[in-house]
Amino acid sequence: MNQLLLTLRFYATGNHLLSVSDFSGVSKTRSHRIIHRVTNAIARLRPRYIKFPMLAEEIKREQIKFFDIARFPRVIGCIDCTHIKIQSFGGNDAEYFRNRKGYFSINVQAICNANLEITDIVARWQGSVHDATIFNNSRIRALFEGGMFENSLLLGDGGYSVRPYFMTPLQNPRTRAEQLYNESHIRTRNTIERVFGIWKRRFPILALGSRFQKVDKVLPIIVATAVLHNIARRAGDPLPADDPTLQLPAPWEDILQNGNIPCRNDRLDNNNMRHVLINDYFQSLL
């Protein structure tokens, strides 16, 4: 129990190992070993607590929960990437971890459900890698491409390409149906932004930055905190208080009001899939 509490304090404060070890009454070297041992044990629980809906009844249940948010049909997950801050690992490959904002990070892809739980996580890419590249090389994309989820949809932001199973917002909605599509999309996809905010407030080490010198020491911490986040959600743990020091995404209301929605140039046939959804479903809601 003392080892677990020491590790949780490290996640919750992001302090130097010396500070955590002094608080817990153990040496710095021992606290280092304890944190990694407990972290690896928690991360191995990933298959139990981080699960994407596969069965028909699970998929239907998630679609209903997402539909209740803003009436967007057939959604089983919202996807995005977030940068987990680290310090430079040094060496010849160090600059690969520097992201577009100028600091070193791991670019982590996550998918969430309507209960703000993480249902899929990819934590292995350098901060300089684009979100779309991570998705294109992910297992979840292969499953969707293989028809595992039939007519289900993922929702992502404009940095991704439109696909038959992947809907992004319109950059310049013109009709009332297109505006309704955008509003419903953005309000529904806001769940993944909320997940990132809650996750980083609950475990500030993700936002403040890990000081470990090896990547294989950092990645298990990301997975372990995702496991603990899901455990907390299922247990009904209160949401952490807002932290003004964290740079969280803008609320969906601001995005809609500003109208600044960057989008990629998509293939015409995939754009047609999106327009069919707008014309057949959202037009009928007017």
Protein backbone atom coordinates (compact mmCIF):
# COMPACT_ATOMS: atom_id res chain seq x y z
CA MET A 1 0.00 0.00 0.00
CA ASN A 2 2.84 2.42 0.80
CA GLN A 3 4.39 1.74 -2.62
CA LEU A 4 1.08 2.42 -4.35
CA LEU A 5 0.55 5.66 -2.42
CA LEU A 6 4.08 6.82 -3.22
CA THR A 7 3.44 6.21 -6.93
CA LEU A 8 0.08 7.97 -6.89
CA ARG A 9 1.64 10.98 -5.18
CA PHE A 10 4.25 11.10 -7.92
CA TYR A 11 1.51 11.07 -10.59
CA ALA A 12 -0.50 13.70 -8.74
CA THR A 13 2.30 16.19 -8.16
CA GLY A 14 4.86 15.62 -10.90
CA ASN A 15 7.52 16.49 -8.32
CA HIS A 16 11.15 15.48 -8.43
CA LEU A 17 11.85 11.99 -7.17
CA LEU A 18 13.79 13.48 -4.25
CA SER A 19 10.73 15.36 -3.04
CA VAL A 20 8.49 12.27 -3.31
CA SER A 21 11.05 10.03 -1.60
CA ASP A 22 11.55 12.51 1.26
CA PHE A 23 7.80 12.73 1.80
CA SER A 24 7.49 8.93 1.85
CA GLY A 25 10.59 8.30 3.95
CA VAL A 26 12.53 6.22 1.41
CA SER A 27 15.68 6.83 -0.61
CA LYS A 28 15.58 8.40 -4.05
CA THR A 29 16.92 5.22 -5.63
CA ARG A 30 14.28 3.08 -3.97
CA SER A 31 11.45 5.44 -4.87
CA HIS A 32 12.64 5.25 -8.49
CA ARG A 33 12.40 1.44 -8.44
CA ILE A 34 9.05 1.50 -6.64
CA ILE A 35 7.45 3.94 -9.10
CA HIS A 36 8.44 1.92 -12.14
CA ARG A 37 7.46 -1.40 -10.58
CA VAL A 38 4.01 -0.15 -9.55
CA THR A 39 3.56 1.70 -12.86
CA ASN A 40 4.25 -1.45 -14.88
CA ALA A 41 1.83 -3.43 -12.71
CA ILE A 42 -0.95 -0.88 -13.28
CA ALA A 43 -0.21 -0.62 -17.01
CA ARG A 44 -0.61 -4.39 -17.35
CA LEU A 45 -4.27 -3.90 -16.34
CA ARG A 46 -4.88 -2.13 -19.65
CA PRO A 47 -6.80 -5.00 -21.33
CA ARG A 48 -9.25 -5.05 -18.42
CA TYR A 49 -9.97 -1.33 -18.18
CA ILE A 50 -9.27 0.11 -21.65
CA LYS A 51 -11.56 -1.72 -24.04
CA PHE A 52 -13.11 -0.62 -27.32
CA PRO A 53 -16.69 -1.86 -27.92
CA MET A 54 -16.57 -4.98 -30.09
CA LEU A 55 -19.82 -6.86 -29.47
CA ALA A 56 -23.04 -5.77 -31.17
CA GLU A 57 -24.77 -4.92 -27.90
CA GLU A 58 -21.76 -2.89 -26.70
CA ILE A 59 -21.66 -0.94 -29.97
CA LYS A 60 -25.40 -0.24 -29.83
CA ARG A 61 -25.15 0.93 -26.23
CA GLU A 62 -22.36 3.39 -27.07
CA GLN A 63 -24.24 4.70 -30.10
CA ILE A 64 -27.28 5.47 -27.95
CA LYS A 65 -25.18 7.26 -25.31
CA PHE A 66 -23.45 9.43 -27.90
CA PHE A 67 -26.77 10.14 -29.64
CA ASP A 68 -28.14 11.49 -26.36
CA ILE A 69 -25.43 14.19 -26.31
CA ALA A 70 -26.32 16.06 -29.52
CA ARG A 71 -28.30 13.63 -31.72
CA PHE A 72 -25.36 12.59 -33.90
CA PRO A 73 -26.11 9.05 -35.15
CA ARG A 74 -24.01 5.85 -35.16
CA VAL A 75 -21.05 7.23 -33.16
CA ILE A 76 -19.02 4.76 -31.08
CA GLY A 77 -16.02 6.94 -30.29
CA CYS A 78 -14.43 10.37 -30.48
CA ILE A 79 -10.74 10.54 -31.34
CA ASP A 80 -7.94 13.05 -30.97
CA CYS A 81 -4.29 13.34 -29.96
CA THR A 82 -2.74 15.20 -27.04
CA HIS A 83 0.85 16.04 -26.24
CA ILE A 84 2.26 14.61 -23.00
CA LYS A 85 5.17 16.79 -21.94
CA ILE A 86 8.61 15.25 -21.36
CA GLN A 87 12.15 16.48 -21.09
CA SER A 88 14.62 15.84 -23.87
CA PHE A 89 16.03 12.32 -23.93
CA GLY A 90 19.17 13.61 -25.65
CA GLY A 91 21.05 11.79 -28.40
CA ASN A 92 20.69 11.98 -32.16
CA ASP A 93 16.92 11.46 -32.15
CA ALA A 94 16.03 14.06 -29.52
CA GLU A 95 14.56 16.58 -31.96
CA TYR A 96 11.99 14.08 -33.21
CA PHE A 97 10.24 14.59 -29.88
CA ARG A 98 9.97 18.37 -30.26
CA ASN A 99 6.41 19.24 -31.27
CA ARG A 100 5.07 22.17 -33.28
CA LYS A 101 4.68 24.23 -30.08
CA GLY A 102 8.40 23.96 -29.39
CA TYR A 103 8.57 21.63 -26.39
CA PHE A 104 9.39 17.92 -26.15
CA SER A 105 6.47 15.52 -25.93
CA ILE A 106 4.90 12.16 -26.68
CA ASN A 107 1.94 12.55 -29.06
CA VAL A 108 -0.73 10.27 -27.60
CA GLN A 109 -3.82 9.19 -29.55
CA ALA A 110 -6.93 8.36 -27.54
CA ILE A 111 -10.53 7.40 -28.25
CA CYS A 112 -13.21 7.96 -25.63
CA ASN A 113 -16.79 6.92 -25.00
CA ALA A 114 -19.72 9.06 -23.86
CA ASN A 115 -18.87 8.39 -20.19
CA LEU A 116 -15.50 10.12 -20.69
CA GLU A 117 -13.61 6.82 -20.42
CA ILE A 118 -10.61 6.08 -22.64
CA THR A 119 -11.49 3.10 -24.85
CA ASP A 120 -8.32 3.02 -26.96
CA ILE A 121 -4.88 4.56 -26.50
CA VAL A 122 -1.72 4.70 -28.62
CA ALA A 123 1.25 6.02 -26.62
CA ARG A 124 4.46 5.51 -28.57
CA TRP A 125 4.88 8.32 -31.12
CA GLN A 126 7.24 11.29 -30.95
CA GLY A 127 5.82 14.78 -30.53
CA SER A 128 6.69 15.81 -34.08
CA VAL A 129 4.46 13.13 -35.64
CA HIS A 130 1.15 14.35 -37.08
CA ASP A 131 -2.12 13.09 -35.61
CA ALA A 132 -3.25 11.67 -38.96
CA THR A 133 -0.04 9.65 -39.28
CA ILE A 134 -0.64 8.04 -35.89
CA PHE A 135 -4.19 7.09 -36.88
CA ASN A 136 -3.13 5.74 -40.26
CA ASN A 137 -0.70 3.36 -38.54
CA SER A 138 -3.03 2.34 -35.71
CA ARG A 139 -4.76 -0.96 -35.07
CA ILE A 140 -8.14 0.72 -34.71
CA ARG A 141 -7.95 2.05 -38.27
CA ALA A 142 -7.24 -1.45 -39.58
CA LEU A 143 -10.29 -2.76 -37.70
CA PHE A 144 -12.54 -0.07 -39.17
CA GLU A 145 -11.13 -0.63 -42.65
CA GLY A 146 -11.84 -4.34 -42.25
CA GLY A 147 -15.52 -3.69 -41.49
CA MET A 148 -15.33 -4.82 -37.87
CA PHE A 149 -17.78 -2.12 -36.74
CA GLU A 150 -20.10 -2.15 -39.79
CA ASN A 151 -21.76 1.30 -40.17
CA SER A 152 -20.42 2.83 -36.94
CA LEU A 153 -18.63 6.19 -36.95
CA LEU A 154 -15.66 7.87 -35.34
CA LEU A 155 -15.66 11.64 -34.89
CA GLY A 156 -12.45 13.63 -35.25
CA ASP A 157 -11.37 17.21 -35.85
CA GLY A 158 -10.42 18.80 -39.15
CA GLY A 159 -6.85 17.53 -38.96
CA TYR A 160 -8.00 14.10 -40.08
CA SER A 161 -9.25 12.98 -43.47
CA VAL A 162 -12.90 12.12 -44.01
CA ARG A 163 -13.53 8.39 -44.47
CA PRO A 164 -16.74 6.35 -44.73
CA TYR A 165 -16.41 5.58 -41.00
CA PHE A 166 -14.71 8.84 -39.94
CA MET A 167 -16.56 12.17 -39.91
CA THR A 168 -14.94 15.59 -39.49
CA PRO A 169 -16.57 19.05 -39.35
CA LEU A 170 -17.27 21.20 -42.39
CA GLN A 171 -15.02 24.22 -42.78
CA ASN A 172 -17.64 26.47 -44.34
CA PRO A 173 -21.18 25.25 -43.64
CA ARG A 174 -23.66 26.97 -45.93
CA THR A 175 -27.07 25.41 -45.40
CA ARG A 176 -28.99 25.06 -42.15
CA ALA A 177 -28.52 21.27 -42.33
CA GLU A 178 -24.74 21.70 -42.63
CA GLN A 179 -24.73 24.07 -39.68
CA LEU A 180 -26.73 21.56 -37.66
CA TYR A 181 -24.25 18.84 -38.65
CA ASN A 182 -21.32 20.97 -37.48
CA GLU A 183 -22.96 21.88 -34.19
CA SER A 184 -23.90 18.28 -33.44
CA HIS A 185 -20.44 17.07 -34.46
CA ILE A 186 -18.53 19.60 -32.36
CA ARG A 187 -20.71 19.13 -29.27
CA THR A 188 -20.35 15.36 -29.49
CA ARG A 189 -16.62 15.39 -30.21
CA ASN A 190 -16.07 17.73 -27.27
CA THR A 191 -16.10 14.61 -25.07
CA ILE A 192 -12.52 13.76 -26.04
CA GLU A 193 -11.38 17.30 -25.22
CA ARG A 194 -13.01 16.95 -21.80
CA VAL A 195 -11.27 13.61 -21.28
CA PHE A 196 -7.87 15.18 -21.92
CA GLY A 197 -8.62 18.02 -19.53
CA ILE A 198 -9.81 15.72 -16.73
CA TRP A 199 -6.95 13.27 -17.30
CA LYS A 200 -4.26 15.95 -17.07
CA ARG A 201 -5.84 17.69 -14.09
CA ARG A 202 -6.13 14.41 -12.23
CA PHE A 203 -2.52 13.45 -13.03
CA PRO A 204 -0.51 16.69 -13.39
CA ILE A 205 2.67 14.79 -14.28
CA LEU A 206 1.16 14.50 -17.79
CA ALA A 207 1.00 18.28 -18.13
CA LEU A 208 4.02 19.34 -16.09
CA GLY A 209 6.36 16.87 -17.75
CA SER A 210 8.24 13.72 -16.82
CA ARG A 211 11.93 14.03 -16.00
CA PHE A 212 12.88 10.43 -16.77
CA GLN A 213 15.71 10.05 -19.25
CA LYS A 214 14.42 7.02 -21.18
CA VAL A 215 11.29 6.73 -23.29
CA ASP A 216 10.55 3.21 -22.03
CA LYS A 217 10.18 4.69 -18.53
CA VAL A 218 7.69 7.34 -19.67
CA LEU A 219 5.28 5.34 -21.85
CA PRO A 220 4.07 3.00 -19.05
CA ILE A 221 3.20 6.05 -16.94
CA ILE A 222 0.92 7.34 -19.70
CA VAL A 223 -0.88 3.99 -19.98
CA ALA A 224 -1.05 3.51 -16.19
CA THR A 225 -2.66 6.92 -15.64
CA ALA A 226 -5.17 6.14 -18.41
CA VAL A 227 -6.09 2.92 -16.58
CA LEU A 228 -6.50 4.83 -13.31
CA HIS A 229 -8.59 7.49 -15.07
CA ASN A 230 -11.04 4.83 -16.25
CA ILE A 231 -11.18 3.25 -12.80
CA ALA A 232 -11.99 6.68 -11.34
CA ARG A 233 -14.72 7.30 -13.93
CA ARG A 234 -16.39 3.96 -13.29
CA ALA A 235 -16.23 4.51 -9.54
CA GLY A 236 -17.93 7.90 -9.88
CA ASP A 237 -14.92 9.79 -8.50
CA PRO A 238 -15.54 13.58 -8.45
CA LEU A 239 -14.02 15.52 -11.32
CA PRO A 240 -10.81 17.39 -10.45
CA ALA A 241 -11.03 21.13 -10.09
CA ASP A 242 -10.16 23.39 -13.02
CA ASP A 243 -6.49 24.34 -13.27
CA PRO A 244 -5.86 27.70 -14.98
CA THR A 245 -2.22 26.76 -15.60
CA LEU A 246 -3.22 24.06 -18.09
CA GLN A 247 -3.88 25.13 -21.69
CA LEU A 248 -7.14 23.34 -22.38
CA PRO A 249 -9.03 23.40 -25.72
CA ALA A 250 -11.66 26.04 -26.32
CA PRO A 251 -15.27 25.13 -25.49
CA TRP A 252 -17.38 24.03 -28.44
CA GLU A 253 -19.46 27.20 -28.17
CA ASP A 254 -16.36 29.32 -28.89
CA ILE A 255 -15.39 27.13 -31.85
CA LEU A 256 -18.83 27.52 -33.39
CA GLN A 257 -18.93 31.26 -32.76
CA ASN A 258 -15.46 31.92 -34.21
CA GLY A 259 -16.09 29.64 -37.17
CA ASN A 260 -12.38 28.80 -37.47
CA ILE A 261 -12.48 25.10 -38.30
CA PRO A 262 -9.38 23.95 -40.24
CA CYS A 263 -10.01 20.95 -42.48
CA ARG A 264 -7.91 18.78 -44.73
CA ASN A 265 -8.52 18.43 -48.46
CA ASP A 266 -10.51 15.22 -48.68
CA ARG A 267 -11.24 12.85 -51.51
CA LEU A 268 -14.50 13.65 -53.29
CA ASP A 269 -16.05 10.23 -52.67
CA ASN A 270 -15.42 10.48 -48.93
CA ASN A 271 -16.85 14.01 -48.89
CA ASN A 272 -19.91 12.59 -50.60
CA MET A 273 -20.34 10.15 -47.72
CA ARG A 274 -20.49 13.10 -45.35
CA HIS A 275 -22.95 14.98 -47.53
CA VAL A 276 -25.20 11.92 -47.73
CA LEU A 277 -25.33 11.89 -43.92
CA ILE A 278 -26.16 15.59 -43.89
CA ASN A 279 -28.83 15.39 -46.60
CA ASP A 280 -30.46 12.16 -45.45
CA TYR A 281 -30.38 12.68 -41.69
CA PHE A 282 -29.67 16.25 -40.55
CA GLN A 283 -31.95 17.75 -43.21
CA SER A 284 -34.79 15.64 -41.79
CA LEU A 285 -34.31 17.23 -38.34
CA LEU A 286 -35.21 20.71 -39.59
